[in-house]
Amino acid sequence: MTSGKLAKYLKMAKGYRGKAKNCKRTVYNRVDKALEHNYRNRKEKKRDARTLWIQQVNAGVGEHGMSYSNFVHQLNQSKVELNRKVLADMAITEPFSFRAIVELCKASK
């Protein structure tokens, strides 16, 4: 019978290879390291998604002869409150609606 903490760690280490799944000292180290990576990568995932949205919006705006930074500035000036995720989705799936937003930004100069 294993103690509560060890049993919890062994359960989390299920599927690891070699000593990492059944040796007490190795299990603690490997699971702790995995939890650290898990915490860090949850934050990185959000950063990576935002970077991707910016790239997609930049590509969509570039087709209409405008830079991303000017586009975002004009969006803020014209009081359009769409976030980057929505803009990226529109640039890909609804090119005519996205073009209307770009034209609105160009007109507000």
N, C-alpha and C. Protein backbone atom coordinates (compact mmCIF):
# COMPACT_ATOMS: atom_id res chain seq x y z
N MET A 1 0.85 -1.18 0.00
CA MET A 1 0.00 0.00 0.00
C MET A 1 0.88 1.24 0.00
N THR A 2 0.58 2.18 -0.85
CA THR A 2 1.38 3.40 -0.93
C THR A 2 0.69 4.53 -0.20
N SER A 3 1.51 5.50 0.21
CA SER A 3 0.95 6.65 0.93
C SER A 3 0.13 7.50 -0.04
N GLY A 4 -0.61 8.45 0.50
CA GLY A 4 -1.49 9.28 -0.32
C GLY A 4 -0.75 10.09 -1.36
N LYS A 5 0.36 10.73 -0.95
CA LYS A 5 1.11 11.57 -1.87
C LYS A 5 1.76 10.72 -2.96
N LEU A 6 2.36 9.62 -2.56
CA LEU A 6 3.02 8.76 -3.54
C LEU A 6 2.01 8.16 -4.52
N ALA A 7 0.87 7.75 -4.01
CA ALA A 7 -0.16 7.18 -4.88
C ALA A 7 -0.63 8.22 -5.90
N LYS A 8 -0.77 9.46 -5.45
CA LYS A 8 -1.19 10.54 -6.34
C LYS A 8 -0.14 10.76 -7.44
N TYR A 9 1.12 10.77 -7.05
CA TYR A 9 2.20 10.98 -8.01
C TYR A 9 2.33 9.80 -8.97
N LEU A 10 2.17 8.58 -8.46
CA LEU A 10 2.24 7.41 -9.34
C LEU A 10 1.10 7.42 -10.36
N LYS A 11 -0.05 7.88 -9.94
CA LYS A 11 -1.18 7.98 -10.86
C LYS A 11 -0.89 9.01 -11.95
N MET A 12 -0.28 10.14 -11.56
CA MET A 12 0.05 11.16 -12.56
C MET A 12 1.17 10.71 -13.48
N ALA A 13 2.05 9.80 -13.00
CA ALA A 13 3.17 9.32 -13.81
C ALA A 13 2.81 8.14 -14.69
N LYS A 14 1.55 7.77 -14.71
CA LYS A 14 1.12 6.65 -15.53
C LYS A 14 1.41 6.97 -16.99
N GLY A 15 2.06 6.04 -17.67
CA GLY A 15 2.40 6.24 -19.06
C GLY A 15 3.83 6.71 -19.28
N TYR A 16 4.52 7.11 -18.22
CA TYR A 16 5.93 7.49 -18.35
C TYR A 16 6.74 6.23 -18.62
N ARG A 17 7.96 6.42 -19.14
CA ARG A 17 8.80 5.28 -19.51
C ARG A 17 9.87 5.03 -18.47
N GLY A 18 10.23 3.76 -18.30
CA GLY A 18 11.33 3.37 -17.43
C GLY A 18 11.05 3.63 -15.96
N LYS A 19 12.11 4.07 -15.24
CA LYS A 19 11.98 4.32 -13.81
C LYS A 19 11.03 5.46 -13.50
N ALA A 20 10.78 6.31 -14.47
CA ALA A 20 9.95 7.49 -14.24
C ALA A 20 8.52 7.13 -13.84
N LYS A 21 8.13 5.90 -14.04
CA LYS A 21 6.75 5.53 -13.69
C LYS A 21 6.63 4.74 -12.40
N ASN A 22 7.77 4.26 -11.83
CA ASN A 22 7.60 3.43 -10.64
C ASN A 22 8.67 3.63 -9.56
N CYS A 23 9.71 4.37 -9.80
CA CYS A 23 10.73 4.63 -8.80
C CYS A 23 10.37 5.93 -8.07
N LYS A 24 10.24 5.85 -6.76
CA LYS A 24 9.71 6.94 -5.96
C LYS A 24 10.41 8.28 -6.23
N ARG A 25 11.73 8.30 -6.11
CA ARG A 25 12.47 9.55 -6.27
C ARG A 25 12.32 10.11 -7.69
N THR A 26 12.41 9.24 -8.67
CA THR A 26 12.29 9.67 -10.07
C THR A 26 10.88 10.14 -10.39
N VAL A 27 9.91 9.46 -9.83
CA VAL A 27 8.51 9.85 -10.06
C VAL A 27 8.27 11.27 -9.57
N TYR A 28 8.74 11.58 -8.35
CA TYR A 28 8.54 12.92 -7.81
C TYR A 28 9.19 13.97 -8.71
N ASN A 29 10.42 13.72 -9.13
CA ASN A 29 11.12 14.69 -9.96
C ASN A 29 10.44 14.88 -11.31
N ARG A 30 10.09 13.79 -11.96
CA ARG A 30 9.51 13.87 -13.30
C ARG A 30 8.12 14.50 -13.29
N VAL A 31 7.31 14.16 -12.30
CA VAL A 31 5.97 14.73 -12.24
C VAL A 31 6.04 16.21 -11.91
N ASP A 32 6.92 16.60 -10.98
CA ASP A 32 7.07 18.02 -10.66
C ASP A 32 7.51 18.81 -11.89
N LYS A 33 8.47 18.27 -12.64
CA LYS A 33 8.94 18.94 -13.84
C LYS A 33 7.82 19.03 -14.88
N ALA A 34 7.03 17.97 -14.99
CA ALA A 34 5.91 17.98 -15.95
C ALA A 34 4.88 19.03 -15.56
N LEU A 35 4.62 19.18 -14.28
CA LEU A 35 3.67 20.19 -13.83
C LEU A 35 4.20 21.60 -14.10
N GLU A 36 5.51 21.80 -13.95
CA GLU A 36 6.11 23.10 -14.28
C GLU A 36 5.92 23.42 -15.76
N HIS A 37 6.21 22.44 -16.60
CA HIS A 37 6.05 22.66 -18.04
C HIS A 37 4.58 22.92 -18.38
N ASN A 38 3.70 22.20 -17.73
CA ASN A 38 2.27 22.36 -17.98
C ASN A 38 1.82 23.78 -17.65
N TYR A 39 2.25 24.30 -16.52
CA TYR A 39 1.90 25.66 -16.11
C TYR A 39 2.44 26.68 -17.10
N ARG A 40 3.72 26.53 -17.45
CA ARG A 40 4.36 27.48 -18.36
C ARG A 40 3.71 27.45 -19.74
N ASN A 41 3.40 26.26 -20.24
CA ASN A 41 2.87 26.14 -21.58
C ASN A 41 1.42 26.61 -21.70
N ARG A 42 0.68 26.61 -20.60
CA ARG A 42 -0.66 27.20 -20.65
C ARG A 42 -0.56 28.68 -20.96
N LYS A 43 0.46 29.34 -20.41
CA LYS A 43 0.66 30.77 -20.68
C LYS A 43 1.17 30.98 -22.11
N GLU A 44 2.10 30.14 -22.55
CA GLU A 44 2.67 30.28 -23.89
C GLU A 44 1.62 30.05 -24.97
N LYS A 45 0.67 29.17 -24.70
CA LYS A 45 -0.37 28.87 -25.67
C LYS A 45 -1.17 30.13 -26.01
N LYS A 46 -1.46 30.93 -25.00
CA LYS A 46 -2.20 32.17 -25.22
C LYS A 46 -1.37 33.15 -26.03
N ARG A 47 -0.07 33.25 -25.72
CA ARG A 47 0.82 34.14 -26.48
C ARG A 47 0.91 33.71 -27.93
N ASP A 48 1.05 32.41 -28.15
CA ASP A 48 1.19 31.89 -29.51
C ASP A 48 -0.09 32.14 -30.32
N ALA A 49 -1.23 31.99 -29.68
CA ALA A 49 -2.50 32.22 -30.37
C ALA A 49 -2.61 33.69 -30.79
N ARG A 50 -2.25 34.60 -29.90
CA ARG A 50 -2.31 36.03 -30.24
C ARG A 50 -1.36 36.36 -31.38
N THR A 51 -0.17 35.76 -31.37
CA THR A 51 0.79 35.98 -32.45
C THR A 51 0.21 35.50 -33.78
N LEU A 52 -0.43 34.35 -33.77
CA LEU A 52 -1.03 33.81 -34.98
C LEU A 52 -2.14 34.72 -35.50
N TRP A 53 -2.98 35.23 -34.59
CA TRP A 53 -4.06 36.13 -35.01
C TRP A 53 -3.49 37.39 -35.65
N ILE A 54 -2.43 37.93 -35.06
CA ILE A 54 -1.82 39.14 -35.61
C ILE A 54 -1.27 38.86 -37.01
N GLN A 55 -0.64 37.71 -37.21
CA GLN A 55 -0.12 37.36 -38.53
C GLN A 55 -1.24 37.23 -39.55
N GLN A 56 -2.35 36.63 -39.14
CA GLN A 56 -3.47 36.44 -40.06
C GLN A 56 -4.11 37.77 -40.43
N VAL A 57 -4.26 38.66 -39.45
CA VAL A 57 -4.83 39.98 -39.73
C VAL A 57 -3.87 40.77 -40.62
N ASN A 58 -2.58 40.68 -40.34
CA ASN A 58 -1.58 41.37 -41.15
C ASN A 58 -1.64 40.91 -42.60
N ALA A 59 -1.78 39.60 -42.81
CA ALA A 59 -1.89 39.08 -44.18
C ALA A 59 -3.15 39.60 -44.86
N GLY A 60 -4.26 39.61 -44.12
CA GLY A 60 -5.52 40.09 -44.69
C GLY A 60 -5.48 41.57 -45.02
N VAL A 61 -4.86 42.36 -44.17
CA VAL A 61 -4.79 43.79 -44.38
C VAL A 61 -3.80 44.11 -45.50
N GLY A 62 -2.74 43.31 -45.59
CA GLY A 62 -1.74 43.53 -46.64
C GLY A 62 -2.33 43.37 -48.03
N GLU A 63 -3.33 42.54 -48.19
CA GLU A 63 -3.99 42.37 -49.48
C GLU A 63 -4.71 43.64 -49.93
N HIS A 64 -5.04 44.48 -48.97
CA HIS A 64 -5.77 45.71 -49.27
C HIS A 64 -4.86 46.94 -49.22
N GLY A 65 -3.56 46.72 -49.19
CA GLY A 65 -2.61 47.81 -49.27
C GLY A 65 -2.48 48.64 -48.01
N MET A 66 -2.54 48.00 -46.87
CA MET A 66 -2.44 48.72 -45.60
C MET A 66 -1.54 47.92 -44.67
N SER A 67 -0.85 48.58 -43.76
CA SER A 67 -0.01 47.86 -42.81
C SER A 67 -0.83 47.53 -41.57
N TYR A 68 -0.37 46.54 -40.83
CA TYR A 68 -1.10 46.10 -39.63
C TYR A 68 -1.17 47.21 -38.59
N SER A 69 -0.04 47.89 -38.38
CA SER A 69 -0.01 48.92 -37.33
C SER A 69 -0.95 50.08 -37.68
N ASN A 70 -0.98 50.48 -38.94
CA ASN A 70 -1.91 51.54 -39.35
C ASN A 70 -3.35 51.08 -39.22
N PHE A 71 -3.60 49.83 -39.55
CA PHE A 71 -4.95 49.28 -39.45
C PHE A 71 -5.45 49.30 -38.01
N VAL A 72 -4.62 48.84 -37.10
CA VAL A 72 -5.02 48.80 -35.69
C VAL A 72 -5.22 50.22 -35.16
N HIS A 73 -4.35 51.13 -35.56
CA HIS A 73 -4.49 52.52 -35.13
C HIS A 73 -5.81 53.11 -35.64
N GLN A 74 -6.11 52.88 -36.91
CA GLN A 74 -7.35 53.40 -37.47
C GLN A 74 -8.58 52.73 -36.86
N LEU A 75 -8.46 51.46 -36.49
CA LEU A 75 -9.58 50.79 -35.80
C LEU A 75 -9.87 51.49 -34.48
N ASN A 76 -8.82 51.81 -33.76
CA ASN A 76 -9.00 52.49 -32.47
C ASN A 76 -9.56 53.89 -32.67
N GLN A 77 -9.12 54.58 -33.71
CA GLN A 77 -9.61 55.93 -33.98
C GLN A 77 -11.09 55.92 -34.37
N SER A 78 -11.50 54.88 -35.11
CA SER A 78 -12.89 54.83 -35.59
C SER A 78 -13.81 54.12 -34.60
N LYS A 79 -13.31 53.80 -33.41
CA LYS A 79 -14.13 53.22 -32.33
C LYS A 79 -14.71 51.84 -32.68
N VAL A 80 -14.04 51.09 -33.54
CA VAL A 80 -14.46 49.73 -33.83
C VAL A 80 -13.86 48.83 -32.76
N GLU A 81 -14.71 48.09 -32.06
CA GLU A 81 -14.25 47.27 -30.94
C GLU A 81 -14.30 45.79 -31.30
N LEU A 82 -13.41 45.39 -32.20
CA LEU A 82 -13.26 43.98 -32.55
C LEU A 82 -11.88 43.54 -32.11
N ASN A 83 -11.80 42.40 -31.45
CA ASN A 83 -10.50 41.93 -31.00
C ASN A 83 -9.77 41.21 -32.13
N ARG A 84 -8.52 40.87 -31.89
CA ARG A 84 -7.68 40.28 -32.93
C ARG A 84 -8.18 38.89 -33.34
N LYS A 85 -8.76 38.17 -32.40
CA LYS A 85 -9.26 36.83 -32.71
C LYS A 85 -10.40 36.92 -33.72
N VAL A 86 -11.32 37.84 -33.50
CA VAL A 86 -12.46 38.00 -34.40
C VAL A 86 -11.99 38.52 -35.76
N LEU A 87 -11.06 39.47 -35.75
CA LEU A 87 -10.54 40.01 -37.00
C LEU A 87 -9.83 38.94 -37.81
N ALA A 88 -9.05 38.09 -37.15
CA ALA A 88 -8.35 37.02 -37.84
C ALA A 88 -9.34 36.03 -38.45
N ASP A 89 -10.39 35.72 -37.71
CA ASP A 89 -11.41 34.81 -38.22
C ASP A 89 -12.13 35.41 -39.43
N MET A 90 -12.41 36.70 -39.34
CA MET A 90 -13.08 37.38 -40.45
C MET A 90 -12.17 37.44 -41.68
N ALA A 91 -10.89 37.67 -41.47
CA ALA A 91 -9.96 37.76 -42.59
C ALA A 91 -9.92 36.45 -43.37
N ILE A 92 -10.11 35.35 -42.67
CA ILE A 92 -10.04 34.03 -43.32
C ILE A 92 -11.39 33.60 -43.88
N THR A 93 -12.44 33.70 -43.08
CA THR A 93 -13.72 33.12 -43.47
C THR A 93 -14.68 34.09 -44.15
N GLU A 94 -14.55 35.39 -43.87
CA GLU A 94 -15.47 36.38 -44.45
C GLU A 94 -14.67 37.53 -45.07
N PRO A 95 -14.06 37.30 -46.23
CA PRO A 95 -13.20 38.33 -46.81
C PRO A 95 -13.93 39.62 -47.19
N PHE A 96 -15.21 39.53 -47.56
CA PHE A 96 -15.94 40.74 -47.95
C PHE A 96 -16.25 41.61 -46.73
N SER A 97 -16.62 40.98 -45.63
CA SER A 97 -16.87 41.74 -44.39
C SER A 97 -15.56 42.35 -43.89
N PHE A 98 -14.49 41.61 -43.99
CA PHE A 98 -13.20 42.13 -43.56
C PHE A 98 -12.78 43.31 -44.43
N ARG A 99 -13.05 43.20 -45.73
CA ARG A 99 -12.71 44.31 -46.63
C ARG A 99 -13.50 45.56 -46.26
N ALA A 100 -14.75 45.39 -45.86
CA ALA A 100 -15.57 46.53 -45.46
C ALA A 100 -14.96 47.23 -44.24
N ILE A 101 -14.43 46.45 -43.31
CA ILE A 101 -13.79 47.04 -42.13
C ILE A 101 -12.52 47.79 -42.54
N VAL A 102 -11.76 47.20 -43.46
CA VAL A 102 -10.54 47.87 -43.92
C VAL A 102 -10.89 49.17 -44.62
N GLU A 103 -11.92 49.15 -45.44
CA GLU A 103 -12.36 50.37 -46.14
C GLU A 103 -12.83 51.42 -45.14
N LEU A 104 -13.50 51.00 -44.10
CA LEU A 104 -13.94 51.92 -43.05
C LEU A 104 -12.74 52.59 -42.40
N CYS A 105 -11.69 51.80 -42.16
CA CYS A 105 -10.48 52.35 -41.55
C CYS A 105 -9.77 53.31 -42.50
N LYS A 106 -9.74 52.97 -43.78
CA LYS A 106 -9.10 53.86 -44.76
C LYS A 106 -9.86 55.17 -44.87
N ALA A 107 -11.17 55.11 -44.79
CA ALA A 107 -12.00 56.32 -44.92
C ALA A 107 -11.87 57.21 -43.69
N SER A 108 -11.52 56.66 -42.57
CA SER A 108 -11.46 57.47 -41.34
C SER A 108 -10.14 58.22 -41.19
N LYS A 109 -9.21 58.06 -42.15
CA LYS A 109 -7.93 58.77 -42.07
C LYS A 109 -8.07 60.22 -42.05
